[in-house]
Amino acid sequence: GESMMPTLRPGDRVIFHPLDRERHRKGDPKAEDGDVVFVRFSAEVGDGCTIARVYSQSDGTLQFRKDNPHFAPRTVPREHVVQMAVFVQLRRERL
């Protein structure tokens, strides 16, 4: 789709590394504010998936923002994030 344009374009191949809340091994990636992530939400907040930039909010929620300003941010309680993976590599098709 167009929600992450111009950073990501249709046809791009994006590689993500899953984040594990329970175990943190040395060298595993972490999601920092502004990182591009793939996230899966619980049924309580819509039971879907998206790619967006993640930002921690002072009230403990997470806000997910698209790079395309035509898409509104989405804020959800941390406990409703089922799985998150952080962007590690982009493979773009040559035209």
PDB file of N, CA and C in Angstrom:
ATOM      1  N   GLY A   1       0.798  -1.183   0.000  1.00  0.00           N
ATOM      2  CA  GLY A   1       0.000   0.000   0.000  1.00  0.00           C
ATOM      3  C   GLY A   1       0.848   1.258   0.000  1.00  0.00           C
ATOM      4  N   GLU A   2       0.208   2.353   0.223  1.00  0.00           N
ATOM      5  CA  GLU A   2       0.870   3.657   0.178  1.00  0.00           C
ATOM      6  C   GLU A   2       1.093   4.274   1.556  1.00  0.00           C
ATOM      7  N   SER A   3       0.728   3.580   2.609  1.00  0.00           N
ATOM      8  CA  SER A   3       0.772   4.190   3.937  1.00  0.00           C
ATOM      9  C   SER A   3       2.183   4.512   4.430  1.00  0.00           C
ATOM     10  N   MET A   4       3.188   3.822   3.947  1.00  0.00           N
ATOM     11  CA  MET A   4       4.560   4.079   4.398  1.00  0.00           C
ATOM     12  C   MET A   4       5.403   4.765   3.320  1.00  0.00           C
ATOM     13  N   MET A   5       4.752   5.259   2.269  1.00  0.00           N
ATOM     14  CA  MET A   5       5.499   5.991   1.244  1.00  0.00           C
ATOM     15  C   MET A   5       5.898   7.350   1.800  1.00  0.00           C
ATOM     16  N   PRO A   6       7.063   7.871   1.500  1.00  0.00           N
ATOM     17  CA  PRO A   6       8.001   7.401   0.482  1.00  0.00           C
ATOM     18  C   PRO A   6       9.039   6.406   0.987  1.00  0.00           C
ATOM     19  N   THR A   7       9.042   6.089   2.286  1.00  0.00           N
ATOM     20  CA  THR A   7      10.052   5.183   2.836  1.00  0.00           C
ATOM     21  C   THR A   7       9.972   3.808   2.192  1.00  0.00           C
ATOM     22  N   LEU A   8       8.778   3.239   2.155  1.00  0.00           N
ATOM     23  CA  LEU A   8       8.555   1.930   1.552  1.00  0.00           C
ATOM     24  C   LEU A   8       7.608   2.098   0.378  1.00  0.00           C
ATOM     25  N   ARG A   9       7.915   1.413  -0.713  1.00  0.00           N
ATOM     26  CA  ARG A   9       7.102   1.518  -1.921  1.00  0.00           C
ATOM     27  C   ARG A   9       6.510   0.148  -2.251  1.00  0.00           C
ATOM     28  N   PRO A  10       5.392   0.132  -2.971  1.00  0.00           N
ATOM     29  CA  PRO A  10       4.841  -1.153  -3.418  1.00  0.00           C
ATOM     30  C   PRO A  10       5.917  -1.943  -4.173  1.00  0.00           C
ATOM     31  N   GLY A  11       6.029  -3.221  -3.853  1.00  0.00           N
ATOM     32  CA  GLY A  11       7.033  -4.076  -4.471  1.00  0.00           C
ATOM     33  C   GLY A  11       8.297  -4.232  -3.648  1.00  0.00           C
ATOM     34  N   ASP A  12       8.505  -3.359  -2.645  1.00  0.00           N
ATOM     35  CA  ASP A  12       9.676  -3.495  -1.774  1.00  0.00           C
ATOM     36  C   ASP A  12       9.555  -4.773  -0.954  1.00  0.00           C
ATOM     37  N   ARG A  13      10.681  -5.368  -0.678  1.00  0.00           N
ATOM     38  CA  ARG A  13      10.736  -6.521   0.226  1.00  0.00           C
ATOM     39  C   ARG A  13      11.407  -6.045   1.510  1.00  0.00           C
ATOM     40  N   VAL A  14      10.694  -6.205   2.604  1.00  0.00           N
ATOM     41  CA  VAL A  14      11.171  -5.705   3.885  1.00  0.00           C
ATOM     42  C   VAL A  14      11.376  -6.886   4.823  1.00  0.00           C
ATOM     43  N   ILE A  15      12.527  -6.910   5.481  1.00  0.00           N
ATOM     44  CA  ILE A  15      12.844  -7.986   6.420  1.00  0.00           C
ATOM     45  C   ILE A  15      12.770  -7.424   7.836  1.00  0.00           C
ATOM     46  N   PHE A  16      12.059  -8.142   8.694  1.00  0.00           N
ATOM     47  CA  PHE A  16      11.881  -7.746  10.085  1.00  0.00           C
ATOM     48  C   PHE A  16      12.449  -8.828  11.004  1.00  0.00           C
ATOM     49  N   HIS A  17      12.872  -8.420  12.194  1.00  0.00           N
ATOM     50  CA  HIS A  17      13.347  -9.356  13.220  1.00  0.00           C
ATOM     51  C   HIS A  17      12.330  -9.339  14.358  1.00  0.00           C
ATOM     52  N   PRO A  18      11.742 -10.497  14.691  1.00  0.00           N
ATOM     53  CA  PRO A  18      10.750 -10.534  15.775  1.00  0.00           C
ATOM     54  C   PRO A  18      11.364 -10.108  17.112  1.00  0.00           C
ATOM     55  N   LEU A  19      10.590  -9.380  17.878  1.00  0.00           N
ATOM     56  CA  LEU A  19      10.997  -8.984  19.225  1.00  0.00           C
ATOM     57  C   LEU A  19      10.353  -9.935  20.218  1.00  0.00           C
ATOM     58  N   ASP A  20      11.105 -10.337  21.212  1.00  0.00           N
ATOM     59  CA  ASP A  20      10.615 -11.264  22.221  1.00  0.00           C
ATOM     60  C   ASP A  20      10.549 -10.534  23.552  1.00  0.00           C
ATOM     61  N   ARG A  21       9.331 -10.345  24.061  1.00  0.00           N
ATOM     62  CA  ARG A  21       9.165  -9.630  25.334  1.00  0.00           C
ATOM     63  C   ARG A  21       9.752 -10.394  26.515  1.00  0.00           C
ATOM     64  N   GLU A  22       9.758 -11.714  26.416  1.00  0.00           N
ATOM     65  CA  GLU A  22      10.166 -12.534  27.561  1.00  0.00           C
ATOM     66  C   GLU A  22      11.682 -12.677  27.678  1.00  0.00           C
ATOM     67  N   ARG A  23      12.355 -12.827  26.555  1.00  0.00           N
ATOM     68  CA  ARG A  23      13.802 -13.063  26.576  1.00  0.00           C
ATOM     69  C   ARG A  23      14.497 -11.990  25.750  1.00  0.00           C
ATOM     70  N   HIS A  24      15.526 -11.404  26.332  1.00  0.00           N
ATOM     71  CA  HIS A  24      16.326 -10.423  25.606  1.00  0.00           C
ATOM     72  C   HIS A  24      17.767 -10.917  25.607  1.00  0.00           C
ATOM     73  N   ARG A  25      18.210 -11.367  24.444  1.00  0.00           N
ATOM     74  CA  ARG A  25      19.586 -11.843  24.321  1.00  0.00           C
ATOM     75  C   ARG A  25      20.465 -10.702  23.823  1.00  0.00           C
ATOM     76  N   LYS A  26      21.712 -10.748  24.217  1.00  0.00           N
ATOM     77  CA  LYS A  26      22.674  -9.749  23.768  1.00  0.00           C
ATOM     78  C   LYS A  26      22.732  -9.764  22.241  1.00  0.00           C
ATOM     79  N   GLY A  27      22.637  -8.594  21.645  1.00  0.00           N
ATOM     80  CA  GLY A  27      22.702  -8.491  20.199  1.00  0.00           C
ATOM     81  C   GLY A  27      21.352  -8.518  19.509  1.00  0.00           C
ATOM     82  N   ASP A  28      20.282  -8.912  20.238  1.00  0.00           N
ATOM     83  CA  ASP A  28      18.944  -8.883  19.635  1.00  0.00           C
ATOM     84  C   ASP A  28      18.523  -7.433  19.419  1.00  0.00           C
ATOM     85  N   PRO A  29      17.833  -7.168  18.313  1.00  0.00           N
ATOM     86  CA  PRO A  29      17.373  -5.794  18.081  1.00  0.00           C
ATOM     87  C   PRO A  29      16.285  -5.403  19.063  1.00  0.00           C
ATOM     88  N   LYS A  30      16.173  -4.112  19.285  1.00  0.00           N
ATOM     89  CA  LYS A  30      15.123  -3.555  20.132  1.00  0.00           C
ATOM     90  C   LYS A  30      14.414  -2.484  19.307  1.00  0.00           C
ATOM     91  N   ALA A  31      13.169  -2.218  19.625  1.00  0.00           N
ATOM     92  CA  ALA A  31      12.426  -1.170  18.941  1.00  0.00           C
ATOM     93  C   ALA A  31      12.568   0.129  19.721  1.00  0.00           C
ATOM     94  N   GLU A  32      13.143   1.121  19.077  1.00  0.00           N
ATOM     95  CA  GLU A  32      13.298   2.455  19.660  1.00  0.00           C
ATOM     96  C   GLU A  32      12.245   3.370  19.041  1.00  0.00           C
ATOM     97  N   ASP A  33      11.945   4.478  19.710  1.00  0.00           N
ATOM     98  CA  ASP A  33      11.004   5.443  19.149  1.00  0.00           C
ATOM     99  C   ASP A  33      11.421   5.833  17.732  1.00  0.00           C
ATOM    100  N   GLY A  34      10.466   5.757  16.815  1.00  0.00           N
ATOM    101  CA  GLY A  34      10.719   6.127  15.430  1.00  0.00           C
ATOM    102  C   GLY A  34      11.107   4.974  14.533  1.00  0.00           C
ATOM    103  N   ASP A  35      11.368   3.787  15.112  1.00  0.00           N
ATOM    104  CA  ASP A  35      11.718   2.620  14.292  1.00  0.00           C
ATOM    105  C   ASP A  35      10.503   2.128  13.514  1.00  0.00           C
ATOM    106  N   VAL A  36      10.761   1.596  12.327  1.00  0.00           N
ATOM    107  CA  VAL A  36       9.711   0.961  11.537  1.00  0.00           C
ATOM    108  C   VAL A  36       9.522  -0.450  12.085  1.00  0.00           C
ATOM    109  N   VAL A  37       8.262  -0.807  12.366  1.00  0.00           N
ATOM    110  CA  VAL A  37       7.951  -2.124  12.921  1.00  0.00           C
ATOM    111  C   VAL A  37       6.775  -2.742  12.164  1.00  0.00           C
ATOM    112  N   PHE A  38       6.713  -4.059  12.236  1.00  0.00           N
ATOM    113  CA  PHE A  38       5.534  -4.818  11.834  1.00  0.00           C
ATOM    114  C   PHE A  38       4.864  -5.203  13.142  1.00  0.00           C
ATOM    115  N   VAL A  39       3.573  -4.940  13.270  1.00  0.00           N
ATOM    116  CA  VAL A  39       2.888  -5.205  14.537  1.00  0.00           C
ATOM    117  C   VAL A  39       1.582  -5.949  14.280  1.00  0.00           C
ATOM    118  N   ARG A  40       1.284  -6.879  15.187  1.00  0.00           N
ATOM    119  CA  ARG A  40       0.008  -7.601  15.152  1.00  0.00           C
ATOM    120  C   ARG A  40      -0.743  -7.251  16.425  1.00  0.00           C
ATOM    121  N   PHE A  41      -2.004  -6.818  16.260  1.00  0.00           N
ATOM    122  CA  PHE A  41      -2.829  -6.385  17.388  1.00  0.00           C
ATOM    123  C   PHE A  41      -3.755  -7.497  17.860  1.00  0.00           C
ATOM    124  N   SER A  42      -4.169  -7.411  19.114  1.00  0.00           N
ATOM    125  CA  SER A  42      -5.124  -8.361  19.678  1.00  0.00           C
ATOM    126  C   SER A  42      -6.528  -8.080  19.146  1.00  0.00           C
ATOM    127  N   ALA A  43      -7.425  -9.028  19.363  1.00  0.00           N
ATOM    128  CA  ALA A  43      -8.812  -8.892  18.917  1.00  0.00           C
ATOM    129  C   ALA A  43      -9.496  -7.700  19.586  1.00  0.00           C
ATOM    130  N   GLU A  44      -9.074  -7.353  20.793  1.00  0.00           N
ATOM    131  CA  GLU A  44      -9.700  -6.249  21.527  1.00  0.00           C
ATOM    132  C   GLU A  44      -9.550  -4.892  20.823  1.00  0.00           C
ATOM    133  N   VAL A  45      -8.538  -4.776  19.969  1.00  0.00           N
ATOM    134  CA  VAL A  45      -8.309  -3.497  19.276  1.00  0.00           C
ATOM    135  C   VAL A  45      -8.344  -3.648  17.753  1.00  0.00           C
ATOM    136  N   GLY A  46      -8.955  -4.721  17.277  1.00  0.00           N
ATOM    137  CA  GLY A  46      -9.140  -4.838  15.833  1.00  0.00           C
ATOM    138  C   GLY A  46      -8.491  -6.027  15.177  1.00  0.00           C
ATOM    139  N   ASP A  47      -7.653  -6.768  15.905  1.00  0.00           N
ATOM    140  CA  ASP A  47      -7.132  -8.045  15.408  1.00  0.00           C
ATOM    141  C   ASP A  47      -6.544  -7.956  14.003  1.00  0.00           C
ATOM    142  N   GLY A  48      -5.663  -7.005  13.767  1.00  0.00           N
ATOM    143  CA  GLY A  48      -5.053  -6.856  12.458  1.00  0.00           C
ATOM    144  C   GLY A  48      -3.564  -6.647  12.566  1.00  0.00           C
ATOM    145  N   CYS A  49      -2.939  -6.426  11.425  1.00  0.00           N
ATOM    146  CA  CYS A  49      -1.504  -6.195  11.348  1.00  0.00           C
ATOM    147  C   CYS A  49      -1.245  -4.912  10.576  1.00  0.00           C
ATOM    148  N   THR A  50      -0.087  -4.308  10.855  1.00  0.00           N
ATOM    149  CA  THR A  50       0.294  -3.113  10.111  1.00  0.00           C
ATOM    150  C   THR A  50       1.797  -2.925  10.171  1.00  0.00           C
ATOM    151  N   ILE A  51       2.301  -2.092   9.279  1.00  0.00           N
ATOM    152  CA  ILE A  51       3.680  -1.610   9.316  1.00  0.00           C
ATOM    153  C   ILE A  51       3.597  -0.121   9.587  1.00  0.00           C
ATOM    154  N   ALA A  52       4.362   0.335  10.577  1.00  0.00           N
ATOM    155  CA  ALA A  52       4.331   1.752  10.964  1.00  0.00           C
ATOM    156  C   ALA A  52       5.563   2.059  11.801  1.00  0.00           C
ATOM    157  N   ARG A  53       5.732   3.318  12.136  1.00  0.00           N
ATOM    158  CA  ARG A  53       6.778   3.720  13.094  1.00  0.00           C
ATOM    159  C   ARG A  53       6.158   3.685  14.493  1.00  0.00           C
ATOM    160  N   VAL A  54       6.921   3.202  15.458  1.00  0.00           N
ATOM    161  CA  VAL A  54       6.411   3.055  16.817  1.00  0.00           C
ATOM    162  C   VAL A  54       6.964   4.155  17.711  1.00  0.00           C
ATOM    163  N   TYR A  55       6.105   4.660  18.608  1.00  0.00           N
ATOM    164  CA  TYR A  55       6.500   5.674  19.595  1.00  0.00           C
ATOM    165  C   TYR A  55       5.847   5.327  20.929  1.00  0.00           C
ATOM    166  N   SER A  56       6.661   5.272  21.986  1.00  0.00           N
ATOM    167  CA  SER A  56       6.144   5.048  23.342  1.00  0.00           C
ATOM    168  C   SER A  56       5.556   6.354  23.859  1.00  0.00           C
ATOM    169  N   GLN A  57       4.372   6.279  24.461  1.00  0.00           N
ATOM    170  CA  GLN A  57       3.702   7.448  25.005  1.00  0.00           C
ATOM    171  C   GLN A  57       3.879   7.473  26.522  1.00  0.00           C
ATOM    172  N   SER A  58       3.784   8.652  27.112  1.00  0.00           N
ATOM    173  CA  SER A  58       4.004   8.805  28.555  1.00  0.00           C
ATOM    174  C   SER A  58       2.968   8.052  29.389  1.00  0.00           C
ATOM    175  N   ASP A  59       1.796   7.754  28.814  1.00  0.00           N
ATOM    176  CA  ASP A  59       0.765   7.021  29.554  1.00  0.00           C
ATOM    177  C   ASP A  59       0.912   5.505  29.426  1.00  0.00           C
ATOM    178  N   GLY A  60       2.003   5.043  28.804  1.00  0.00           N
ATOM    179  CA  GLY A  60       2.243   3.602  28.678  1.00  0.00           C
ATOM    180  C   GLY A  60       1.696   2.980  27.408  1.00  0.00           C
ATOM    181  N   THR A  61       0.993   3.745  26.598  1.00  0.00           N
ATOM    182  CA  THR A  61       0.482   3.217  25.328  1.00  0.00           C
ATOM    183  C   THR A  61       1.568   3.325  24.259  1.00  0.00           C
ATOM    184  N   LEU A  62       1.301   2.693  23.131  1.00  0.00           N
ATOM    185  CA  LEU A  62       2.189   2.788  21.976  1.00  0.00           C
ATOM    186  C   LEU A  62       1.430   3.465  20.842  1.00  0.00           C
ATOM    187  N   GLN A  63       2.088   4.410  20.184  1.00  0.00           N
ATOM    188  CA  GLN A  63       1.474   5.055  19.030  1.00  0.00           C
ATOM    189  C   GLN A  63       2.194   4.586  17.778  1.00  0.00           C
ATOM    190  N   PHE A  64       1.410   4.237  16.765  1.00  0.00           N
ATOM    191  CA  PHE A  64       1.937   3.773  15.492  1.00  0.00           C
ATOM    192  C   PHE A  64       1.598   4.814  14.437  1.00  0.00           C
ATOM    193  N   ARG A  65       2.640   5.360  13.792  1.00  0.00           N
ATOM    194  CA  ARG A  65       2.463   6.428  12.802  1.00  0.00           C
ATOM    195  C   ARG A  65       2.969   5.968  11.442  1.00  0.00           C
ATOM    196  N   LYS A  66       2.207   6.314  10.423  1.00  0.00           N
ATOM    197  CA  LYS A  66       2.588   6.036   9.041  1.00  0.00           C
ATOM    198  C   LYS A  66       3.451   7.180   8.521  1.00  0.00           C
ATOM    199  N   ASP A  67       4.300   6.914   7.531  1.00  0.00           N
ATOM    200  CA  ASP A  67       5.116   7.972   6.937  1.00  0.00           C
ATOM    201  C   ASP A  67       4.300   8.858   6.007  1.00  0.00           C
ATOM    202  N   ASN A  68       3.233   8.318   5.445  1.00  0.00           N
ATOM    203  CA  ASN A  68       2.353   9.088   4.584  1.00  0.00           C
ATOM    204  C   ASN A  68       1.396   9.875   5.489  1.00  0.00           C
ATOM    205  N   PRO A  69       1.442  11.211   5.441  1.00  0.00           N
ATOM    206  CA  PRO A  69       0.631  12.024   6.359  1.00  0.00           C
ATOM    207  C   PRO A  69      -0.880  11.910   6.144  1.00  0.00           C
ATOM    208  N   HIS A  70      -1.309  11.254   5.081  1.00  0.00           N
ATOM    209  CA  HIS A  70      -2.744  11.066   4.846  1.00  0.00           C
ATOM    210  C   HIS A  70      -3.347   9.959   5.718  1.00  0.00           C
ATOM    211  N   PHE A  71      -2.490   9.247   6.465  1.00  0.00           N
ATOM    212  CA  PHE A  71      -2.946   8.164   7.326  1.00  0.00           C
ATOM    213  C   PHE A  71      -2.822   8.605   8.790  1.00  0.00           C
ATOM    214  N   ALA A  72      -3.902   8.471   9.543  1.00  0.00           N
ATOM    215  CA  ALA A  72      -3.921   8.891  10.949  1.00  0.00           C
ATOM    216  C   ALA A  72      -3.124   7.920  11.826  1.00  0.00           C
ATOM    217  N   PRO A  73      -2.481   8.443  12.884  1.00  0.00           N
ATOM    218  CA  PRO A  73      -1.787   7.560  13.828  1.00  0.00           C
ATOM    219  C   PRO A  73      -2.788   6.693  14.592  1.00  0.00           C
ATOM    220  N   ARG A  74      -2.300   5.610  15.124  1.00  0.00           N
ATOM    221  CA  ARG A  74      -3.133   4.696  15.932  1.00  0.00           C
ATOM    222  C   ARG A  74      -2.430   4.473  17.263  1.00  0.00           C
ATOM    223  N   THR A  75      -3.145   4.671  18.352  1.00  0.00           N
ATOM    224  CA  THR A  75      -2.584   4.483  19.687  1.00  0.00           C
ATOM    225  C   THR A  75      -3.300   3.324  20.363  1.00  0.00           C
ATOM    226  N   VAL A  76      -2.516   2.392  20.914  1.00  0.00           N
ATOM    227  CA  VAL A  76      -3.101   1.218  21.581  1.00  0.00           C
ATOM    228  C   VAL A  76      -2.359   0.937  22.888  1.00  0.00           C
ATOM    229  N   PRO A  77      -3.051   0.340  23.857  1.00  0.00           N
ATOM    230  CA  PRO A  77      -2.369  -0.105  25.072  1.00  0.00           C
ATOM    231  C   PRO A  77      -1.339  -1.188  24.730  1.00  0.00           C
ATOM    232  N   ARG A  78      -0.208  -1.144  25.395  1.00  0.00           N
ATOM    233  CA  ARG A  78       0.877  -2.100  25.157  1.00  0.00           C
ATOM    234  C   ARG A  78       0.405  -3.561  25.210  1.00  0.00           C
ATOM    235  N   GLU A  79      -0.510  -3.841  26.130  1.00  0.00           N
ATOM    236  CA  GLU A  79      -0.956  -5.231  26.303  1.00  0.00           C
ATOM    237  C   GLU A  79      -1.759  -5.745  25.109  1.00  0.00           C
ATOM    238  N   HIS A  80      -2.164  -4.864  24.203  1.00  0.00           N
ATOM    239  CA  HIS A  80      -2.905  -5.292  23.019  1.00  0.00           C
ATOM    240  C   HIS A  80      -2.018  -5.461  21.785  1.00  0.00           C
ATOM    241  N   VAL A  81      -0.706  -5.385  21.994  1.00  0.00           N
ATOM    242  CA  VAL A  81       0.248  -5.721  20.935  1.00  0.00           C
ATOM    243  C   VAL A  81       0.628  -7.180  21.146  1.00  0.00           C
ATOM    244  N   VAL A  82       0.180  -8.034  20.239  1.00  0.00           N
ATOM    245  CA  VAL A  82       0.425  -9.473  20.356  1.00  0.00           C
ATOM    246  C   VAL A  82       1.856  -9.811  19.966  1.00  0.00           C
ATOM    247  N   GLN A  83       2.323  -9.209  18.882  1.00  0.00           N
ATOM    248  CA  GLN A  83       3.684  -9.464  18.396  1.00  0.00           C
ATOM    249  C   GLN A  83       4.186  -8.225  17.679  1.00  0.00           C
ATOM    250  N   MET A  84       5.479  -7.980  17.807  1.00  0.00           N
ATOM    251  CA  MET A  84       6.084  -6.867  17.093  1.00  0.00           C
ATOM    252  C   MET A  84       7.436  -7.319  16.574  1.00  0.00           C
ATOM    253  N   ALA A  85       7.785  -6.842  15.380  1.00  0.00           N
ATOM    254  CA  ALA A  85       9.074  -7.135  14.771  1.00  0.00           C
ATOM    255  C   ALA A  85       9.648  -5.830  14.246  1.00  0.00           C
ATOM    256  N   VAL A  86      10.959  -5.652  14.410  1.00  0.00           N
ATOM    257  CA  VAL A  86      11.604  -4.404  14.018  1.00  0.00           C
ATOM    258  C   VAL A  86      12.266  -4.567  12.647  1.00  0.00           C
ATOM    259  N   PHE A  87      12.188  -3.508  11.842  1.00  0.00           N
ATOM    260  CA  PHE A  87      12.770  -3.462  10.508  1.00  0.00           C
ATOM    261  C   PHE A  87      14.283  -3.663  10.587  1.00  0.00           C
ATOM    262  N   VAL A  88      14.800  -4.546   9.731  1.00  0.00           N
ATOM    263  CA  VAL A  88      16.251  -4.730   9.683  1.00  0.00           C
ATOM    264  C   VAL A  88      16.838  -4.548   8.289  1.00  0.00           C
ATOM    265  N   GLN A  89      16.052  -4.764   7.238  1.00  0.00           N
ATOM    266  CA  GLN A  89      16.621  -4.648   5.894  1.00  0.00           C
ATOM    267  C   GLN A  89      15.541  -4.389   4.854  1.00  0.00           C
ATOM    268  N   LEU A  90      15.909  -3.599   3.839  1.00  0.00           N
ATOM    269  CA  LEU A  90      15.025  -3.291   2.714  1.00  0.00           C
ATOM    270  C   LEU A  90      15.671  -3.822   1.440  1.00  0.00           C
ATOM    271  N   ARG A  91      14.886  -4.532   0.655  1.00  0.00           N
ATOM    272  CA  ARG A  91      15.338  -4.991  -0.657  1.00  0.00           C
ATOM    273  C   ARG A  91      14.388  -4.399  -1.686  1.00  0.00           C
ATOM    274  N   ARG A  92      14.932  -3.501  -2.475  1.00  0.00           N
ATOM    275  CA  ARG A  92      14.108  -2.785  -3.454  1.00  0.00           C
ATOM    276  C   ARG A  92      14.392  -3.349  -4.844  1.00  0.00           C
ATOM    277  N   GLU A  93      13.304  -3.578  -5.587  1.00  0.00           N
ATOM    278  CA  GLU A  93      13.439  -4.034  -6.961  1.00  0.00           C
ATOM    279  C   GLU A  93      14.031  -2.918  -7.812  1.00  0.00           C
ATOM    280  N   ARG A  94      14.968  -3.279  -8.642  1.00  0.00           N
ATOM    281  CA  ARG A  94      15.519  -2.295  -9.588  1.00  0.00           C
ATOM    282  C   ARG A  94      14.589  -2.159 -10.771  1.00  0.00           C
ATOM    283  N   LEU A  95      14.372  -0.948 -11.183  1.00  0.00           N
ATOM    284  CA  LEU A  95      13.495  -0.686 -12.325  1.00  0.00           C
ATOM    285  C   LEU A  95      14.272  -0.649 -13.608  1.00  0.00           C
TER     286      LEU A  95
END
